[in-house]
Amino acid sequence: MLAAAGIAAGGCAAAGAQTAGHPGGYRVEPQPAPGSCHARGSGLYALPDRHCTPGATDPRVTQANIAITICRRGYTRTVRPPEAVTEPEKLASMAAYGDRGSPRRYEYDHLIPLELGGAPNNPHNLWPEPGASPNPKDRLEDLLRRDVCEGRMSLRAAQTGIALDWHALWARLGRP
């Protein structure tokens, strides 16, 4: 289902993201060419370009191991790349999306969030989301994680729904 939705399966290893260059083994990943990506919509409810940022999952996170990965308190701290890696990527990603202005006006966002098993440093899963953090999508991410960890939704359904169109998922779930 993820592949059919255009979502890349592959995290650090697939993107070649783990090396000895930075804490956690991450390296700065190449981003799409400047001006090649186009957000759908604008402001806090913008969605990323489906070709540049279709979403990518971390193959280390599966439905079978959520209790020891995403459902474990503090999990995202163990996989989040350091700012020394993400800041240069964010600037290059802003150029790819044609975003101008202060980087503080954007969150370098994981389309499929780390708390749902999103790939930590795959350029297919990161984009310059307008607005600072926290933002409306963050609340949905928290609710989806809770639903997955409590068995009300499968990991795959949460990943696919948020990657395809988090607005539609939010409306379908009837969440405020």
C-alpha atoms as a PDB file:
ATOM      1  CA  MET A   1       0.000   0.000   0.000  1.00  0.00           C
ATOM      2  CA  LEU A   2       2.803   2.435   0.779  1.00  0.00           C
ATOM      3  CA  ALA A   3       4.480   1.734  -2.556  1.00  0.00           C
ATOM      4  CA  ALA A   4       1.163   2.093  -4.371  1.00  0.00           C
ATOM      5  CA  ALA A   5       0.718   5.446  -2.676  1.00  0.00           C
ATOM      6  CA  GLY A   6       4.122   6.590  -3.922  1.00  0.00           C
ATOM      7  CA  ILE A   7       5.673   6.481  -0.477  1.00  0.00           C
ATOM      8  CA  ALA A   8       9.271   5.365  -0.367  1.00  0.00           C
ATOM      9  CA  ALA A   9      10.135   2.529   1.941  1.00  0.00           C
ATOM     10  CA  GLY A  10      13.595   3.191   3.170  1.00  0.00           C
ATOM     11  CA  GLY A  11      15.128   5.323   5.763  1.00  0.00           C
ATOM     12  CA  CYS A  12      18.682   5.978   6.647  1.00  0.00           C
ATOM     13  CA  ALA A  13      20.250   3.084   4.820  1.00  0.00           C
ATOM     14  CA  ALA A  14      18.176   3.602   1.680  1.00  0.00           C
ATOM     15  CA  ALA A  15      19.151   7.237   1.466  1.00  0.00           C
ATOM     16  CA  GLY A  16      22.728   6.561   2.533  1.00  0.00           C
ATOM     17  CA  ALA A  17      22.090   8.777   5.508  1.00  0.00           C
ATOM     18  CA  GLN A  18      24.104   7.079   8.214  1.00  0.00           C
ATOM     19  CA  THR A  19      27.832   7.648   8.164  1.00  0.00           C
ATOM     20  CA  ALA A  20      30.410   8.543  10.766  1.00  0.00           C
ATOM     21  CA  GLY A  21      30.374  12.263   9.878  1.00  0.00           C
ATOM     22  CA  HIS A  22      27.960  13.544  12.563  1.00  0.00           C
ATOM     23  CA  PRO A  23      26.529  12.425  15.888  1.00  0.00           C
ATOM     24  CA  GLY A  24      24.146   9.548  15.292  1.00  0.00           C
ATOM     25  CA  GLY A  25      25.944   8.735  12.048  1.00  0.00           C
ATOM     26  CA  TYR A  26      23.905  11.091   9.859  1.00  0.00           C
ATOM     27  CA  ARG A  27      25.255  13.109   6.944  1.00  0.00           C
ATOM     28  CA  VAL A  28      23.876  16.050   5.011  1.00  0.00           C
ATOM     29  CA  GLU A  29      21.761  14.592   2.203  1.00  0.00           C
ATOM     30  CA  PRO A  30      21.431  16.120  -1.280  1.00  0.00           C
ATOM     31  CA  GLN A  31      18.139  17.913  -1.863  1.00  0.00           C
ATOM     32  CA  PRO A  32      16.108  18.426  -5.059  1.00  0.00           C
ATOM     33  CA  ALA A  33      17.322  21.090  -7.485  1.00  0.00           C
ATOM     34  CA  PRO A  34      16.445  24.723  -6.708  1.00  0.00           C
ATOM     35  CA  GLY A  35      12.995  25.663  -7.957  1.00  0.00           C
ATOM     36  CA  SER A  36      12.046  22.060  -8.787  1.00  0.00           C
ATOM     37  CA  CYS A  37       9.437  21.554  -6.032  1.00  0.00           C
ATOM     38  CA  HIS A  38       6.083  23.266  -5.593  1.00  0.00           C
ATOM     39  CA  ALA A  39       3.975  23.173  -2.433  1.00  0.00           C
ATOM     40  CA  ARG A  40       0.251  22.604  -2.781  1.00  0.00           C
ATOM     41  CA  GLY A  41      -1.550  25.452  -1.056  1.00  0.00           C
ATOM     42  CA  SER A  42       0.080  27.941   1.275  1.00  0.00           C
ATOM     43  CA  GLY A  43       0.513  28.825   4.903  1.00  0.00           C
ATOM     44  CA  LEU A  44       0.039  26.431   7.803  1.00  0.00           C
ATOM     45  CA  TYR A  45      -2.067  24.065   5.706  1.00  0.00           C
ATOM     46  CA  ALA A  46       0.274  23.732   2.727  1.00  0.00           C
ATOM     47  CA  LEU A  47       1.106  20.259   1.492  1.00  0.00           C
ATOM     48  CA  PRO A  48       4.445  19.260  -0.028  1.00  0.00           C
ATOM     49  CA  ASP A  49       5.086  18.487  -3.686  1.00  0.00           C
ATOM     50  CA  ARG A  50       4.167  14.807  -4.176  1.00  0.00           C
ATOM     51  CA  HIS A  51       7.135  14.222  -6.472  1.00  0.00           C
ATOM     52  CA  CYS A  52       9.766  15.843  -4.256  1.00  0.00           C
ATOM     53  CA  THR A  53       8.350  14.807  -0.891  1.00  0.00           C
ATOM     54  CA  PRO A  54       6.139  11.709  -1.198  1.00  0.00           C
ATOM     55  CA  GLY A  55       7.098  10.538   2.300  1.00  0.00           C
ATOM     56  CA  ALA A  56       9.475   7.772   3.325  1.00  0.00           C
ATOM     57  CA  THR A  57       9.378   5.267   6.136  1.00  0.00           C
ATOM     58  CA  ASP A  58      12.111   3.928   8.364  1.00  0.00           C
ATOM     59  CA  PRO A  59      12.438   0.185   7.668  1.00  0.00           C
ATOM     60  CA  ARG A  60      13.548  -0.328  11.271  1.00  0.00           C
ATOM     61  CA  VAL A  61      10.003   0.482  12.446  1.00  0.00           C
ATOM     62  CA  THR A  62       7.325  -2.139  11.809  1.00  0.00           C
ATOM     63  CA  GLN A  63       3.899  -2.953  13.182  1.00  0.00           C
ATOM     64  CA  ALA A  64       5.521  -5.885  15.004  1.00  0.00           C
ATOM     65  CA  ASN A  65       8.023  -3.709  16.909  1.00  0.00           C
ATOM     66  CA  ILE A  66       6.094  -0.518  17.691  1.00  0.00           C
ATOM     67  CA  ALA A  67       6.193  -1.289  21.423  1.00  0.00           C
ATOM     68  CA  ILE A  68       9.986  -0.933  21.430  1.00  0.00           C
ATOM     69  CA  THR A  69      10.196   1.842  18.834  1.00  0.00           C
ATOM     70  CA  ILE A  70       7.566   4.527  18.317  1.00  0.00           C
ATOM     71  CA  CYS A  71       5.459   3.655  21.363  1.00  0.00           C
ATOM     72  CA  ARG A  72       8.451   3.853  23.699  1.00  0.00           C
ATOM     73  CA  ARG A  73       8.732   7.190  25.501  1.00  0.00           C
ATOM     74  CA  GLY A  74      11.625   9.250  24.126  1.00  0.00           C
ATOM     75  CA  TYR A  75      11.970   7.207  20.914  1.00  0.00           C
ATOM     76  CA  THR A  76      12.172  10.198  18.560  1.00  0.00           C
ATOM     77  CA  ARG A  77      15.173  11.599  20.452  1.00  0.00           C
ATOM     78  CA  THR A  78      17.063   8.429  19.565  1.00  0.00           C
ATOM     79  CA  VAL A  79      16.576   8.830  15.802  1.00  0.00           C
ATOM     80  CA  ARG A  80      16.304  12.592  15.176  1.00  0.00           C
ATOM     81  CA  PRO A  81      19.238  13.911  13.100  1.00  0.00           C
ATOM     82  CA  PRO A  82      21.242  16.750  14.659  1.00  0.00           C
ATOM     83  CA  GLU A  83      20.744  20.361  13.603  1.00  0.00           C
ATOM     84  CA  ALA A  84      24.262  20.356  12.098  1.00  0.00           C
ATOM     85  CA  VAL A  85      22.800  17.982   9.490  1.00  0.00           C
ATOM     86  CA  THR A  86      19.252  19.288   9.133  1.00  0.00           C
ATOM     87  CA  GLU A  87      19.972  23.030   8.950  1.00  0.00           C
ATOM     88  CA  PRO A  88      21.968  22.889   5.675  1.00  0.00           C
ATOM     89  CA  GLU A  89      19.371  20.460   4.304  1.00  0.00           C
ATOM     90  CA  LYS A  90      16.571  22.831   5.288  1.00  0.00           C
ATOM     91  CA  LEU A  91      18.205  25.731   3.439  1.00  0.00           C
ATOM     92  CA  ALA A  92      18.689  23.601   0.303  1.00  0.00           C
ATOM     93  CA  SER A  93      15.123  22.294   0.575  1.00  0.00           C
ATOM     94  CA  MET A  94      13.833  25.866   0.880  1.00  0.00           C
ATOM     95  CA  ALA A  95      15.656  26.653  -2.372  1.00  0.00           C
ATOM     96  CA  ALA A  96      14.110  23.575  -4.001  1.00  0.00           C
ATOM     97  CA  TYR A  97      10.646  24.792  -2.985  1.00  0.00           C
ATOM     98  CA  GLY A  98      11.441  28.394  -3.963  1.00  0.00           C
ATOM     99  CA  ASP A  99      10.889  29.571  -0.396  1.00  0.00           C
ATOM    100  CA  ARG A 100      12.435  32.893   0.476  1.00  0.00           C
ATOM    101  CA  GLY A 101      12.840  34.667   3.736  1.00  0.00           C
ATOM    102  CA  SER A 102      13.970  33.616   7.140  1.00  0.00           C
ATOM    103  CA  PRO A 103      14.395  29.888   7.780  1.00  0.00           C
ATOM    104  CA  ARG A 104      12.719  30.565  11.149  1.00  0.00           C
ATOM    105  CA  ARG A 105       9.450  30.934   9.240  1.00  0.00           C
ATOM    106  CA  TYR A 106       9.639  27.235   8.290  1.00  0.00           C
ATOM    107  CA  GLU A 107       9.818  23.941  10.098  1.00  0.00           C
ATOM    108  CA  TYR A 108      11.985  21.329   8.364  1.00  0.00           C
ATOM    109  CA  ASP A 109       9.194  18.811   8.711  1.00  0.00           C
ATOM    110  CA  HIS A 110       9.072  15.044   8.437  1.00  0.00           C
ATOM    111  CA  LEU A 111       6.019  14.398   6.253  1.00  0.00           C
ATOM    112  CA  ILE A 112       5.678  10.981   7.885  1.00  0.00           C
ATOM    113  CA  PRO A 113       6.711  11.976  11.396  1.00  0.00           C
ATOM    114  CA  LEU A 114       9.367  10.166  13.381  1.00  0.00           C
ATOM    115  CA  GLU A 115       6.699   9.244  15.915  1.00  0.00           C
ATOM    116  CA  LEU A 116       4.962   7.233  13.154  1.00  0.00           C
ATOM    117  CA  GLY A 117       8.113   5.575  11.839  1.00  0.00           C
ATOM    118  CA  GLY A 118       9.029   8.186   9.251  1.00  0.00           C
ATOM    119  CA  ALA A 119      12.514   8.084   7.766  1.00  0.00           C
ATOM    120  CA  PRO A 120      14.736  10.345   9.884  1.00  0.00           C
ATOM    121  CA  ASN A 121      16.915  11.842   7.157  1.00  0.00           C
ATOM    122  CA  ASN A 122      15.562  10.880   3.759  1.00  0.00           C
ATOM    123  CA  PRO A 123      14.965  13.897   1.477  1.00  0.00           C
ATOM    124  CA  HIS A 124      11.754  12.216   0.293  1.00  0.00           C
ATOM    125  CA  ASN A 125      10.383  12.649   3.813  1.00  0.00           C
ATOM    126  CA  LEU A 126      11.525  16.190   4.670  1.00  0.00           C
ATOM    127  CA  TRP A 127      10.355  19.553   3.426  1.00  0.00           C
ATOM    128  CA  PRO A 128      10.186  23.221   4.535  1.00  0.00           C
ATOM    129  CA  GLU A 129       6.714  23.373   6.043  1.00  0.00           C
ATOM    130  CA  PRO A 130       5.498  26.994   6.391  1.00  0.00           C
ATOM    131  CA  GLY A 131       5.093  28.169   9.961  1.00  0.00           C
ATOM    132  CA  ALA A 132       6.936  27.462  13.149  1.00  0.00           C
ATOM    133  CA  SER A 133       6.517  24.446  15.375  1.00  0.00           C
ATOM    134  CA  PRO A 134       4.130  23.511  16.865  1.00  0.00           C
ATOM    135  CA  ASN A 135       1.626  23.698  14.015  1.00  0.00           C
ATOM    136  CA  PRO A 136      -1.758  22.089  13.220  1.00  0.00           C
ATOM    137  CA  LYS A 137      -0.186  18.921  11.747  1.00  0.00           C
ATOM    138  CA  ASP A 138       1.715  18.285  14.996  1.00  0.00           C
ATOM    139  CA  ARG A 139      -1.538  17.687  16.904  1.00  0.00           C
ATOM    140  CA  LEU A 140      -2.671  15.151  14.293  1.00  0.00           C
ATOM    141  CA  GLU A 141       0.690  13.375  14.540  1.00  0.00           C
ATOM    142  CA  ASP A 142       0.247  12.998  18.305  1.00  0.00           C
ATOM    143  CA  LEU A 143      -3.291  11.666  17.920  1.00  0.00           C
ATOM    144  CA  LEU A 144      -2.247   9.179  15.230  1.00  0.00           C
ATOM    145  CA  ARG A 145       0.633   7.902  17.350  1.00  0.00           C
ATOM    146  CA  ARG A 146      -1.744   7.341  20.244  1.00  0.00           C
ATOM    147  CA  ASP A 147      -4.212   5.517  17.961  1.00  0.00           C
ATOM    148  CA  VAL A 148      -1.436   3.296  16.562  1.00  0.00           C
ATOM    149  CA  CYS A 149       0.062   2.531  19.974  1.00  0.00           C
ATOM    150  CA  GLU A 150      -3.368   1.745  21.449  1.00  0.00           C
ATOM    151  CA  GLY A 151      -4.270  -0.542  18.519  1.00  0.00           C
ATOM    152  CA  ARG A 152      -7.052   1.589  17.038  1.00  0.00           C
ATOM    153  CA  MET A 153      -5.177   2.127  13.748  1.00  0.00           C
ATOM    154  CA  SER A 154      -2.441   0.251  11.945  1.00  0.00           C
ATOM    155  CA  LEU A 155       0.958   1.843  11.527  1.00  0.00           C
ATOM    156  CA  ARG A 156       0.665   1.572   7.745  1.00  0.00           C
ATOM    157  CA  ALA A 157      -2.752   3.290   7.674  1.00  0.00           C
ATOM    158  CA  ALA A 158      -1.425   6.188   9.743  1.00  0.00           C
ATOM    159  CA  GLN A 159       1.709   6.535   7.590  1.00  0.00           C
ATOM    160  CA  THR A 160      -0.205   6.392   4.320  1.00  0.00           C
ATOM    161  CA  GLY A 161      -2.955   8.752   5.441  1.00  0.00           C
ATOM    162  CA  ILE A 162      -0.620  11.450   6.711  1.00  0.00           C
ATOM    163  CA  ALA A 163       1.651  11.213   3.666  1.00  0.00           C
ATOM    164  CA  LEU A 164      -1.116  11.383   1.064  1.00  0.00           C
ATOM    165  CA  ASP A 165      -3.109  14.275   2.534  1.00  0.00           C
ATOM    166  CA  TRP A 166      -3.074  15.008   6.225  1.00  0.00           C
ATOM    167  CA  HIS A 167      -5.969  17.489   5.847  1.00  0.00           C
ATOM    168  CA  ALA A 168      -8.232  14.785   4.398  1.00  0.00           C
ATOM    169  CA  LEU A 169      -7.173  12.324   7.104  1.00  0.00           C
ATOM    170  CA  TRP A 170      -7.890  14.917   9.799  1.00  0.00           C
ATOM    171  CA  ALA A 171     -11.379  15.522   8.369  1.00  0.00           C
ATOM    172  CA  ARG A 172     -12.084  11.795   7.892  1.00  0.00           C
ATOM    173  CA  LEU A 173     -11.194  11.072  11.524  1.00  0.00           C
ATOM    174  CA  GLY A 174     -13.485  13.887  12.659  1.00  0.00           C
ATOM    175  CA  ARG A 175     -10.783  15.434  14.787  1.00  0.00           C
ATOM    176  CA  PRO A 176     -10.833  19.155  15.608  1.00  0.00           C
END
